[in-house]
Amino acid sequence: MEALDPAELRRLVLAAVAPHIDRNILAARVAQEDRERARLRAVIAEADRALPGDGEQR
């Protein structure tokens, strides 16, 4: 059995899944995740400012 080219496999999977995706829900979820990531970055930055140390990653 031969393996499919990764680009062809991706195309086939996307074509099979696309009819089942609600683009409005997907867009809302991606936007929510973006907001959550931004908030997490802000929390980390705030903690780095509040904690004593030399700025190294913890």
C-alpha atoms as a PDB file:
ATOM      1  CA  MET A   1       0.000   0.000   0.000  1.00  0.00           C
ATOM      2  CA  GLU A   2       1.342   3.425  -0.916  1.00  0.00           C
ATOM      3  CA  ALA A   3       0.964   6.479   1.258  1.00  0.00           C
ATOM      4  CA  LEU A   4      -0.871   9.494  -0.045  1.00  0.00           C
ATOM      5  CA  ASP A   5       0.980  12.708  -0.615  1.00  0.00           C
ATOM      6  CA  PRO A   6       0.389  14.883   2.484  1.00  0.00           C
ATOM      7  CA  ALA A   7      -1.130  17.676   0.375  1.00  0.00           C
ATOM      8  CA  GLU A   8      -3.558  15.246  -1.259  1.00  0.00           C
ATOM      9  CA  LEU A   9      -4.513  13.729   2.098  1.00  0.00           C
ATOM     10  CA  ARG A  10      -5.151  17.205   3.507  1.00  0.00           C
ATOM     11  CA  ARG A  11      -7.314  18.089   0.506  1.00  0.00           C
ATOM     12  CA  LEU A  12      -9.356  14.888   0.873  1.00  0.00           C
ATOM     13  CA  VAL A  13      -9.890  15.368   4.612  1.00  0.00           C
ATOM     14  CA  LEU A  14     -10.890  19.013   4.210  1.00  0.00           C
ATOM     15  CA  ALA A  15     -13.301  18.132   1.412  1.00  0.00           C
ATOM     16  CA  ALA A  16     -14.915  15.442   3.595  1.00  0.00           C
ATOM     17  CA  VAL A  17     -15.199  17.667   6.669  1.00  0.00           C
ATOM     18  CA  ALA A  18     -16.136  21.004   5.066  1.00  0.00           C
ATOM     19  CA  PRO A  19     -19.866  20.274   4.618  1.00  0.00           C
ATOM     20  CA  HIS A  20     -20.173  19.598   8.351  1.00  0.00           C
ATOM     21  CA  ILE A  21     -18.587  22.833   9.589  1.00  0.00           C
ATOM     22  CA  ASP A  22     -20.749  25.777  10.595  1.00  0.00           C
ATOM     23  CA  ARG A  23     -18.532  28.703   9.603  1.00  0.00           C
ATOM     24  CA  ASN A  24     -20.295  31.153  11.934  1.00  0.00           C
ATOM     25  CA  ILE A  25     -19.765  28.922  14.954  1.00  0.00           C
ATOM     26  CA  LEU A  26     -16.164  28.257  13.950  1.00  0.00           C
ATOM     27  CA  ALA A  27     -15.460  31.990  13.567  1.00  0.00           C
ATOM     28  CA  ALA A  28     -17.008  32.709  16.976  1.00  0.00           C
ATOM     29  CA  ARG A  29     -14.978  29.933  18.623  1.00  0.00           C
ATOM     30  CA  VAL A  30     -11.717  31.111  17.038  1.00  0.00           C
ATOM     31  CA  ALA A  31     -12.430  34.680  18.181  1.00  0.00           C
ATOM     32  CA  GLN A  32     -13.138  33.434  21.711  1.00  0.00           C
ATOM     33  CA  GLU A  33      -9.886  31.457  21.760  1.00  0.00           C
ATOM     34  CA  ASP A  34      -7.984  34.539  20.545  1.00  0.00           C
ATOM     35  CA  ARG A  35      -9.471  36.584  23.415  1.00  0.00           C
ATOM     36  CA  GLU A  36      -8.569  33.849  25.904  1.00  0.00           C
ATOM     37  CA  ARG A  37      -4.978  33.686  24.637  1.00  0.00           C
ATOM     38  CA  ALA A  38      -4.649  37.469  24.895  1.00  0.00           C
ATOM     39  CA  ARG A  39      -5.976  37.362  28.465  1.00  0.00           C
ATOM     40  CA  LEU A  40      -3.539  34.588  29.393  1.00  0.00           C
ATOM     41  CA  ARG A  41      -0.646  36.616  27.956  1.00  0.00           C
ATOM     42  CA  ALA A  42      -1.795  39.602  30.031  1.00  0.00           C
ATOM     43  CA  VAL A  43      -2.003  37.499  33.208  1.00  0.00           C
ATOM     44  CA  ILE A  44       1.487  36.119  32.628  1.00  0.00           C
ATOM     45  CA  ALA A  45       2.891  39.587  31.943  1.00  0.00           C
ATOM     46  CA  GLU A  46       1.227  40.912  35.100  1.00  0.00           C
ATOM     47  CA  ALA A  47       2.624  38.041  37.164  1.00  0.00           C
ATOM     48  CA  ASP A  48       6.104  38.609  35.746  1.00  0.00           C
ATOM     49  CA  ARG A  49       5.912  42.273  36.795  1.00  0.00           C
ATOM     50  CA  ALA A  50       4.580  41.421  40.259  1.00  0.00           C
ATOM     51  CA  LEU A  51       6.999  38.636  41.125  1.00  0.00           C
ATOM     52  CA  PRO A  52      10.549  39.422  42.157  1.00  0.00           C
ATOM     53  CA  GLY A  53      13.280  37.899  40.091  1.00  0.00           C
ATOM     54  CA  ASP A  54      15.515  38.361  37.119  1.00  0.00           C
ATOM     55  CA  GLY A  55      12.824  37.937  34.468  1.00  0.00           C
ATOM     56  CA  GLU A  56      13.662  34.328  33.685  1.00  0.00           C
ATOM     57  CA  GLN A  57      10.867  32.024  32.538  1.00  0.00           C
ATOM     58  CA  ARG A  58       9.372  29.947  35.312  1.00  0.00           C
END
